[in-house]
């Protein structure tokens, strides 16, 4: 049975991905703070859980060491862990502290975790890596600039690793969720619902975490193995523009 690491898996998109993969993978699901949510996921799916602050070098190394000791192989890494700014602030007032925190979690952490995972995968010449980014990699939100910049950086990281690892039998993919119903948008969910009703999304509904999980499954099954570097938009058609 293949082994997968899903970061930030206690809630939201990561939880849906871990639940789906647990059907046919040995899953290591990471969490940072919500041990209760992680434990309920473990009870529900039988996956292994591991507390990990993805922004910490020591935690990243400990995660890979745990996976090596427990399962001895890594077939799939899903870089899902991420955070929004603790407070939405206009770009003219946003703080360096918020910038540093968001970039460390959303960009630096996944980038260097992928480095460790890729080195391991190269030992046996196969594997798949998924970066969960966001439509915010290109769509501008001036009240959370640090989040947009972090996702743009992560998108570039995905492309760089796809190029570097293509000849080593390791596929790298980027999934860009749109407006997905998770805790992250709870405070502005009603605003998004109103904008969707007014035509923001051609498909006319907010996305659900399971929509993203299904895209990860397509990658995990090997259906896209000749498409390394592909960006998969899971956004209800947000990217479409018409006159």
C-alpha atoms as a PDB file:
ATOM      1  CA  UNK A   1       0.000   0.000   0.000  1.00  0.00           C
ATOM      2  CA  UNK A   2       1.448   3.417  -0.912  1.00  0.00           C
ATOM      3  CA  UNK A   3       2.280   6.001   1.736  1.00  0.00           C
ATOM      4  CA  UNK A   4       1.179   9.638   1.697  1.00  0.00           C
ATOM      5  CA  UNK A   5       1.927  12.670   3.838  1.00  0.00           C
ATOM      6  CA  UNK A   6      -0.805  15.310   3.949  1.00  0.00           C
ATOM      7  CA  UNK A   7       0.151  18.473   5.808  1.00  0.00           C
ATOM      8  CA  UNK A   8      -2.423  20.584   7.605  1.00  0.00           C
ATOM      9  CA  UNK A   9      -4.880  17.692   7.596  1.00  0.00           C
ATOM     10  CA  UNK A  10      -6.877  18.200  10.771  1.00  0.00           C
ATOM     11  CA  UNK A  11      -9.513  20.428   9.154  1.00  0.00           C
ATOM     12  CA  UNK A  12     -10.815  21.794   5.881  1.00  0.00           C
ATOM     13  CA  UNK A  13      -9.221  20.858   2.583  1.00  0.00           C
ATOM     14  CA  UNK A  14      -6.442  18.830   4.179  1.00  0.00           C
ATOM     15  CA  UNK A  15      -8.881  16.731   6.170  1.00  0.00           C
ATOM     16  CA  UNK A  16     -10.931  15.938   3.059  1.00  0.00           C
ATOM     17  CA  UNK A  17      -7.762  14.925   1.203  1.00  0.00           C
ATOM     18  CA  UNK A  18      -6.602  12.695   4.054  1.00  0.00           C
ATOM     19  CA  UNK A  19     -10.027  11.071   4.340  1.00  0.00           C
ATOM     20  CA  UNK A  20     -10.093  10.296   0.642  1.00  0.00           C
ATOM     21  CA  UNK A  21      -6.529   8.986   0.439  1.00  0.00           C
ATOM     22  CA  UNK A  22      -6.935   6.814   3.532  1.00  0.00           C
ATOM     23  CA  UNK A  23      -9.099   4.465   1.468  1.00  0.00           C
ATOM     24  CA  UNK A  24      -6.025   3.108  -0.292  1.00  0.00           C
ATOM     25  CA  UNK A  25      -2.975   4.825   1.213  1.00  0.00           C
ATOM     26  CA  UNK A  26      -1.178   4.720   4.523  1.00  0.00           C
ATOM     27  CA  UNK A  27      -1.625   8.376   5.446  1.00  0.00           C
ATOM     28  CA  UNK A  28       0.426  10.532   7.788  1.00  0.00           C
ATOM     29  CA  UNK A  29      -1.724  13.563   8.578  1.00  0.00           C
ATOM     30  CA  UNK A  30      -0.014  16.544  10.170  1.00  0.00           C
ATOM     31  CA  UNK A  31      -1.519  19.189  12.398  1.00  0.00           C
ATOM     32  CA  UNK A  32      -0.126  22.202  14.224  1.00  0.00           C
ATOM     33  CA  UNK A  33      -2.505  23.076  17.072  1.00  0.00           C
ATOM     34  CA  UNK A  34      -5.830  21.230  16.863  1.00  0.00           C
ATOM     35  CA  UNK A  35      -4.960  17.882  18.435  1.00  0.00           C
ATOM     36  CA  UNK A  36      -8.650  17.153  19.010  1.00  0.00           C
ATOM     37  CA  UNK A  37      -9.450  17.494  15.321  1.00  0.00           C
ATOM     38  CA  UNK A  38      -6.435  15.389  14.359  1.00  0.00           C
ATOM     39  CA  UNK A  39      -7.375  12.675  16.829  1.00  0.00           C
ATOM     40  CA  UNK A  40     -10.912  12.525  15.458  1.00  0.00           C
ATOM     41  CA  UNK A  41      -9.472  12.127  11.950  1.00  0.00           C
ATOM     42  CA  UNK A  42      -7.249   9.310  13.191  1.00  0.00           C
ATOM     43  CA  UNK A  43     -10.199   7.579  14.820  1.00  0.00           C
ATOM     44  CA  UNK A  44     -12.311   7.974  11.693  1.00  0.00           C
ATOM     45  CA  UNK A  45      -9.759   6.860   9.095  1.00  0.00           C
ATOM     46  CA  UNK A  46      -6.985   4.981  10.879  1.00  0.00           C
ATOM     47  CA  UNK A  47      -4.350   7.366   9.572  1.00  0.00           C
ATOM     48  CA  UNK A  48      -1.256   8.274  11.562  1.00  0.00           C
ATOM     49  CA  UNK A  49      -1.111  11.797  12.967  1.00  0.00           C
ATOM     50  CA  UNK A  50       1.967  13.922  13.608  1.00  0.00           C
ATOM     51  CA  UNK A  51       2.178  17.349  15.185  1.00  0.00           C
ATOM     52  CA  UNK A  52       4.210  19.596  12.921  1.00  0.00           C
ATOM     53  CA  UNK A  53       4.714  23.322  12.485  1.00  0.00           C
ATOM     54  CA  UNK A  54       5.665  23.306   8.841  1.00  0.00           C
ATOM     55  CA  UNK A  55       7.575  26.577   9.226  1.00  0.00           C
ATOM     56  CA  UNK A  56      10.056  24.893  11.595  1.00  0.00           C
ATOM     57  CA  UNK A  57      13.138  23.229  10.126  1.00  0.00           C
ATOM     58  CA  UNK A  58      13.322  20.842  13.066  1.00  0.00           C
ATOM     59  CA  UNK A  59       9.679  19.839  12.704  1.00  0.00           C
ATOM     60  CA  UNK A  60      10.084  19.178   8.978  1.00  0.00           C
ATOM     61  CA  UNK A  61      13.059  16.899   9.551  1.00  0.00           C
ATOM     62  CA  UNK A  62      11.220  15.137  12.369  1.00  0.00           C
ATOM     63  CA  UNK A  63       8.234  14.507  10.094  1.00  0.00           C
ATOM     64  CA  UNK A  64      10.357  12.856   7.411  1.00  0.00           C
ATOM     65  CA  UNK A  65      12.206  10.823  10.045  1.00  0.00           C
ATOM     66  CA  UNK A  66       8.857   9.658  11.452  1.00  0.00           C
ATOM     67  CA  UNK A  67       7.660   8.604   7.993  1.00  0.00           C
ATOM     68  CA  UNK A  68      10.905   6.736   7.314  1.00  0.00           C
ATOM     69  CA  UNK A  69      10.772   4.877  10.602  1.00  0.00           C
ATOM     70  CA  UNK A  70       7.067   4.059  10.452  1.00  0.00           C
ATOM     71  CA  UNK A  71       6.611   3.115   6.797  1.00  0.00           C
ATOM     72  CA  UNK A  72      10.018   3.158   5.111  1.00  0.00           C
ATOM     73  CA  UNK A  73       8.732   4.788   1.930  1.00  0.00           C
ATOM     74  CA  UNK A  74       7.009   7.906   0.645  1.00  0.00           C
ATOM     75  CA  UNK A  75       4.911   7.820  -2.512  1.00  0.00           C
ATOM     76  CA  UNK A  76       2.919  11.043  -2.236  1.00  0.00           C
ATOM     77  CA  UNK A  77       3.434  14.389  -0.520  1.00  0.00           C
ATOM     78  CA  UNK A  78       0.523  16.818  -0.388  1.00  0.00           C
ATOM     79  CA  UNK A  79       1.676  20.280   0.658  1.00  0.00           C
ATOM     80  CA  UNK A  80      -1.612  21.583   2.012  1.00  0.00           C
ATOM     81  CA  UNK A  81      -0.749  23.302   5.315  1.00  0.00           C
ATOM     82  CA  UNK A  82      -1.239  27.036   5.178  1.00  0.00           C
ATOM     83  CA  UNK A  83      -2.650  30.014   7.002  1.00  0.00           C
ATOM     84  CA  UNK A  84      -4.374  33.305   6.323  1.00  0.00           C
ATOM     85  CA  UNK A  85      -3.129  36.454   8.035  1.00  0.00           C
ATOM     86  CA  UNK A  86      -4.318  36.588  11.628  1.00  0.00           C
ATOM     87  CA  UNK A  87      -5.864  39.934  10.756  1.00  0.00           C
ATOM     88  CA  UNK A  88      -6.779  41.266   7.330  1.00  0.00           C
ATOM     89  CA  UNK A  89      -5.060  44.638   6.918  1.00  0.00           C
ATOM     90  CA  UNK A  90      -4.759  47.029   4.027  1.00  0.00           C
ATOM     91  CA  UNK A  91      -1.407  46.687   2.314  1.00  0.00           C
ATOM     92  CA  UNK A  92      -0.508  50.187   3.548  1.00  0.00           C
ATOM     93  CA  UNK A  93      -0.897  49.126   7.184  1.00  0.00           C
ATOM     94  CA  UNK A  94       0.056  45.428   7.160  1.00  0.00           C
ATOM     95  CA  UNK A  95       2.943  44.481   9.435  1.00  0.00           C
ATOM     96  CA  UNK A  96       6.264  42.801   8.813  1.00  0.00           C
ATOM     97  CA  UNK A  97       5.438  40.336  11.583  1.00  0.00           C
ATOM     98  CA  UNK A  98       2.374  39.112   9.693  1.00  0.00           C
ATOM     99  CA  UNK A  99       4.358  38.951   6.458  1.00  0.00           C
ATOM    100  CA  UNK A 100       7.102  36.868   8.061  1.00  0.00           C
ATOM    101  CA  UNK A 101       4.649  34.446   9.684  1.00  0.00           C
ATOM    102  CA  UNK A 102       2.511  33.861   6.608  1.00  0.00           C
ATOM    103  CA  UNK A 103       5.447  33.479   4.231  1.00  0.00           C
ATOM    104  CA  UNK A 104       7.169  31.057   6.616  1.00  0.00           C
ATOM    105  CA  UNK A 105       4.131  28.782   6.848  1.00  0.00           C
ATOM    106  CA  UNK A 106       2.781  29.068   3.307  1.00  0.00           C
ATOM    107  CA  UNK A 107       5.941  29.270   1.202  1.00  0.00           C
ATOM    108  CA  UNK A 108       9.165  28.481   3.063  1.00  0.00           C
ATOM    109  CA  UNK A 109       7.785  25.463   4.921  1.00  0.00           C
ATOM    110  CA  UNK A 110       6.366  23.576   1.917  1.00  0.00           C
ATOM    111  CA  UNK A 111       9.362  24.488  -0.230  1.00  0.00           C
ATOM    112  CA  UNK A 112      11.865  22.931   2.133  1.00  0.00           C
ATOM    113  CA  UNK A 113       9.653  19.999   3.122  1.00  0.00           C
ATOM    114  CA  UNK A 114       9.483  19.188  -0.587  1.00  0.00           C
ATOM    115  CA  UNK A 115      13.259  19.315  -0.750  1.00  0.00           C
ATOM    116  CA  UNK A 116      13.480  16.617   1.918  1.00  0.00           C
ATOM    117  CA  UNK A 117      10.712  14.515   0.388  1.00  0.00           C
ATOM    118  CA  UNK A 118      12.183  14.775  -3.107  1.00  0.00           C
ATOM    119  CA  UNK A 119      15.606  13.640  -1.941  1.00  0.00           C
ATOM    120  CA  UNK A 120      13.987  10.582  -0.377  1.00  0.00           C
ATOM    121  CA  UNK A 121      11.824   9.836  -3.420  1.00  0.00           C
ATOM    122  CA  UNK A 122      14.873  10.053  -5.667  1.00  0.00           C
ATOM    123  CA  UNK A 123      16.385   7.122  -3.778  1.00  0.00           C
ATOM    124  CA  UNK A 124      13.808   4.832  -5.407  1.00  0.00           C
ATOM    125  CA  UNK A 125      13.089   6.884  -8.525  1.00  0.00           C
ATOM    126  CA  UNK A 126       9.386   7.511  -8.136  1.00  0.00           C
ATOM    127  CA  UNK A 127       6.835   9.611  -6.319  1.00  0.00           C
ATOM    128  CA  UNK A 128       4.279  12.370  -6.667  1.00  0.00           C
ATOM    129  CA  UNK A 129       4.185  15.794  -5.048  1.00  0.00           C
ATOM    130  CA  UNK A 130       1.188  18.118  -4.877  1.00  0.00           C
ATOM    131  CA  UNK A 131       1.218  21.783  -3.941  1.00  0.00           C
ATOM    132  CA  UNK A 132      -2.118  23.219  -2.813  1.00  0.00           C
ATOM    133  CA  UNK A 133      -1.876  26.901  -3.695  1.00  0.00           C
ATOM    134  CA  UNK A 134      -4.825  29.212  -4.359  1.00  0.00           C
ATOM    135  CA  UNK A 135      -6.407  31.490  -6.920  1.00  0.00           C
ATOM    136  CA  UNK A 136      -4.708  34.106  -4.739  1.00  0.00           C
ATOM    137  CA  UNK A 137      -1.493  33.146  -6.532  1.00  0.00           C
ATOM    138  CA  UNK A 138      -2.700  35.533  -9.244  1.00  0.00           C
ATOM    139  CA  UNK A 139      -5.905  37.224  -7.979  1.00  0.00           C
ATOM    140  CA  UNK A 140      -5.205  40.374  -5.989  1.00  0.00           C
ATOM    141  CA  UNK A 141      -6.546  41.046  -2.477  1.00  0.00           C
ATOM    142  CA  UNK A 142      -5.019  44.242  -1.097  1.00  0.00           C
ATOM    143  CA  UNK A 143      -6.246  43.434   2.415  1.00  0.00           C
ATOM    144  CA  UNK A 144      -4.161  40.254   2.614  1.00  0.00           C
ATOM    145  CA  UNK A 145      -1.149  40.951   0.451  1.00  0.00           C
ATOM    146  CA  UNK A 146       1.100  38.595   2.383  1.00  0.00           C
ATOM    147  CA  UNK A 147      -1.242  35.679   1.652  1.00  0.00           C
ATOM    148  CA  UNK A 148      -1.297  36.441  -2.083  1.00  0.00           C
ATOM    149  CA  UNK A 149       2.475  36.768  -2.179  1.00  0.00           C
ATOM    150  CA  UNK A 150       2.940  33.500  -0.303  1.00  0.00           C
ATOM    151  CA  UNK A 151       0.727  31.600  -2.736  1.00  0.00           C
ATOM    152  CA  UNK A 152       2.440  33.153  -5.745  1.00  0.00           C
ATOM    153  CA  UNK A 153       5.781  32.042  -4.307  1.00  0.00           C
ATOM    154  CA  UNK A 154       4.439  28.542  -3.681  1.00  0.00           C
ATOM    155  CA  UNK A 155       3.203  28.352  -7.258  1.00  0.00           C
ATOM    156  CA  UNK A 156       6.710  29.128  -8.480  1.00  0.00           C
ATOM    157  CA  UNK A 157       8.135  26.506  -6.114  1.00  0.00           C
ATOM    158  CA  UNK A 158       5.844  23.899  -7.674  1.00  0.00           C
ATOM    159  CA  UNK A 159       7.066  24.758 -11.163  1.00  0.00           C
ATOM    160  CA  UNK A 160      10.701  24.708 -10.125  1.00  0.00           C
ATOM    161  CA  UNK A 161      10.412  21.284  -8.530  1.00  0.00           C
ATOM    162  CA  UNK A 162       8.469  19.955 -11.516  1.00  0.00           C
ATOM    163  CA  UNK A 163      11.318  20.978 -13.789  1.00  0.00           C
ATOM    164  CA  UNK A 164      14.047  19.641 -11.513  1.00  0.00           C
ATOM    165  CA  UNK A 165      12.418  16.282 -10.789  1.00  0.00           C
ATOM    166  CA  UNK A 166      10.884  15.456 -14.179  1.00  0.00           C
ATOM    167  CA  UNK A 167      13.823  13.284 -15.176  1.00  0.00           C
ATOM    168  CA  UNK A 168      13.823  11.429 -11.858  1.00  0.00           C
ATOM    169  CA  UNK A 169      10.419   9.788 -12.154  1.00  0.00           C
ATOM    170  CA  UNK A 170       8.759  12.230  -9.749  1.00  0.00           C
ATOM    171  CA  UNK A 171       5.682  14.166 -10.862  1.00  0.00           C
ATOM    172  CA  UNK A 172       4.912  17.557  -9.351  1.00  0.00           C
ATOM    173  CA  UNK A 173       1.523  19.237  -9.600  1.00  0.00           C
ATOM    174  CA  UNK A 174      -0.134  22.433  -8.457  1.00  0.00           C
ATOM    175  CA  UNK A 175      -3.782  22.564  -7.448  1.00  0.00           C
ATOM    176  CA  UNK A 176      -5.326  26.036  -7.193  1.00  0.00           C
ATOM    177  CA  UNK A 177      -8.515  26.009  -5.129  1.00  0.00           C
ATOM    178  CA  UNK A 178     -10.912  28.893  -5.484  1.00  0.00           C
ATOM    179  CA  UNK A 179     -13.478  29.898  -2.890  1.00  0.00           C
ATOM    180  CA  UNK A 180     -13.774  26.755  -0.763  1.00  0.00           C
ATOM    181  CA  UNK A 181     -16.043  26.395   2.252  1.00  0.00           C
ATOM    182  CA  UNK A 182     -13.564  26.023   5.143  1.00  0.00           C
ATOM    183  CA  UNK A 183     -12.805  27.594   8.498  1.00  0.00           C
ATOM    184  CA  UNK A 184     -10.382  29.945   6.757  1.00  0.00           C
ATOM    185  CA  UNK A 185     -13.198  31.887   5.089  1.00  0.00           C
ATOM    186  CA  UNK A 186     -15.788  31.540   7.868  1.00  0.00           C
ATOM    187  CA  UNK A 187     -15.654  35.236   8.698  1.00  0.00           C
ATOM    188  CA  UNK A 188     -16.350  36.312   5.129  1.00  0.00           C
ATOM    189  CA  UNK A 189     -18.395  33.338   3.906  1.00  0.00           C
ATOM    190  CA  UNK A 190     -21.609  35.323   3.593  1.00  0.00           C
ATOM    191  CA  UNK A 191     -19.859  37.984   1.527  1.00  0.00           C
ATOM    192  CA  UNK A 192     -18.570  35.319  -0.833  1.00  0.00           C
ATOM    193  CA  UNK A 193     -22.005  33.714  -1.080  1.00  0.00           C
ATOM    194  CA  UNK A 194     -23.470  37.059  -2.099  1.00  0.00           C
ATOM    195  CA  UNK A 195     -20.759  37.616  -4.694  1.00  0.00           C
ATOM    196  CA  UNK A 196     -21.252  34.110  -6.075  1.00  0.00           C
ATOM    197  CA  UNK A 197     -24.989  34.769  -6.348  1.00  0.00           C
ATOM    198  CA  UNK A 198     -24.107  37.909  -8.297  1.00  0.00           C
ATOM    199  CA  UNK A 199     -22.021  35.981 -10.828  1.00  0.00           C
ATOM    200  CA  UNK A 200     -18.519  35.701  -9.374  1.00  0.00           C
ATOM    201  CA  UNK A 201     -18.293  32.006 -10.298  1.00  0.00           C
ATOM    202  CA  UNK A 202     -19.614  30.653 -13.605  1.00  0.00           C
ATOM    203  CA  UNK A 203     -20.584  27.349 -11.958  1.00  0.00           C
ATOM    204  CA  UNK A 204     -22.691  29.227  -9.449  1.00  0.00           C
ATOM    205  CA  UNK A 205     -21.670  27.572  -6.183  1.00  0.00           C
ATOM    206  CA  UNK A 206     -18.970  27.688  -3.556  1.00  0.00           C
ATOM    207  CA  UNK A 207     -16.446  24.883  -3.662  1.00  0.00           C
ATOM    208  CA  UNK A 208     -16.283  22.155  -1.045  1.00  0.00           C
ATOM    209  CA  UNK A 209     -13.114  20.513   0.362  1.00  0.00           C
ATOM    210  CA  UNK A 210     -14.095  17.289  -1.390  1.00  0.00           C
ATOM    211  CA  UNK A 211     -13.761  19.036  -4.755  1.00  0.00           C
ATOM    212  CA  UNK A 212     -10.070  19.520  -4.069  1.00  0.00           C
ATOM    213  CA  UNK A 213      -9.690  15.996  -2.691  1.00  0.00           C
ATOM    214  CA  UNK A 214     -10.970  14.570  -5.977  1.00  0.00           C
ATOM    215  CA  UNK A 215      -8.280  16.454  -7.885  1.00  0.00           C
ATOM    216  CA  UNK A 216      -5.625  15.045  -5.559  1.00  0.00           C
ATOM    217  CA  UNK A 217      -7.037  11.560  -6.126  1.00  0.00           C
ATOM    218  CA  UNK A 218      -6.592  11.908  -9.890  1.00  0.00           C
ATOM    219  CA  UNK A 219      -2.918  12.644  -9.283  1.00  0.00           C
ATOM    220  CA  UNK A 220      -2.506   9.913  -6.679  1.00  0.00           C
ATOM    221  CA  UNK A 221      -3.896   7.244  -9.003  1.00  0.00           C
ATOM    222  CA  UNK A 222      -1.378   8.081 -11.708  1.00  0.00           C
ATOM    223  CA  UNK A 223      -3.996   9.398 -14.123  1.00  0.00           C
ATOM    224  CA  UNK A 224      -1.882  12.517 -14.740  1.00  0.00           C
ATOM    225  CA  UNK A 225       1.584  11.002 -14.702  1.00  0.00           C
ATOM    226  CA  UNK A 226       2.444  12.441 -18.130  1.00  0.00           C
ATOM    227  CA  UNK A 227       1.409  15.930 -17.049  1.00  0.00           C
ATOM    228  CA  UNK A 228       4.065  16.952 -14.544  1.00  0.00           C
ATOM    229  CA  UNK A 229       4.054  20.677 -13.842  1.00  0.00           C
ATOM    230  CA  UNK A 230       0.337  20.937 -14.594  1.00  0.00           C
ATOM    231  CA  UNK A 231      -1.723  23.573 -12.781  1.00  0.00           C
ATOM    232  CA  UNK A 232      -5.195  22.283 -11.929  1.00  0.00           C
ATOM    233  CA  UNK A 233      -7.791  24.957 -11.190  1.00  0.00           C
ATOM    234  CA  UNK A 234     -10.508  23.843  -8.773  1.00  0.00           C
ATOM    235  CA  UNK A 235     -12.343  27.149  -8.794  1.00  0.00           C
ATOM    236  CA  UNK A 236     -15.817  26.853 -10.278  1.00  0.00           C
ATOM    237  CA  UNK A 237     -14.634  28.622 -13.431  1.00  0.00           C
ATOM    238  CA  UNK A 238     -13.293  31.711 -11.625  1.00  0.00           C
ATOM    239  CA  UNK A 239     -10.371  31.925 -14.056  1.00  0.00           C
ATOM    240  CA  UNK A 240     -12.728  32.302 -17.028  1.00  0.00           C
ATOM    241  CA  UNK A 241     -13.222  35.780 -18.441  1.00  0.00           C
ATOM    242  CA  UNK A 242     -15.824  36.879 -20.948  1.00  0.00           C
ATOM    243  CA  UNK A 243     -16.992  40.088 -22.610  1.00  0.00           C
END
